[in-house]
């Protein structure tokens, strides 16, 4: 619970926030606060490593919050990291995922926070269209807003380090 308490202390803010899903919240976890803290990000990555499924070929960090997490996980596990854009690059390589090919590879989606799972579903669909095998997603915080069920309906198992409720309890 010490890690959860530290995430809460560093990243929890209150106010009125509009989430990517369109929902509003009066509490928010500013993931950039824990992602920009090298010591805390390292501890988070260490705690995430046991949640990585066997047989994964690469870690697919979603733009923007999943990228630092995937990078540190790659350092910890030796698995390559890919950096997945929200839309393909419009110049140069024109790629959706940077850092290597995705076709035929088992990818683990890495994201910071999940609410309804919209971005994970969009990115997974695009990666699957490119020939990737995606059946798991790993996040630091699950906001418990149907994300897990939405992913499961599309054949994706969600693994979360902490729920928002766990972080709230740890920070109380």
Foldseek 3Di string as FASTA:
>chain_A
DVLLQVQCVQFKDADWDQDPVRDIDGIDGRLVRQLVDVVSLLVLLVLCQVVDDPPAQAEEQEPDARVSSRVSNCVVPVHHYKYAYLAFDPDDPSGRIPDDAAAPGEYEYEHEEDAQQVSVVSRVVVSVVSHHHYQEYEYAEYQPRNNQVNSVVVRHHYDYSYYPVVSVVSND
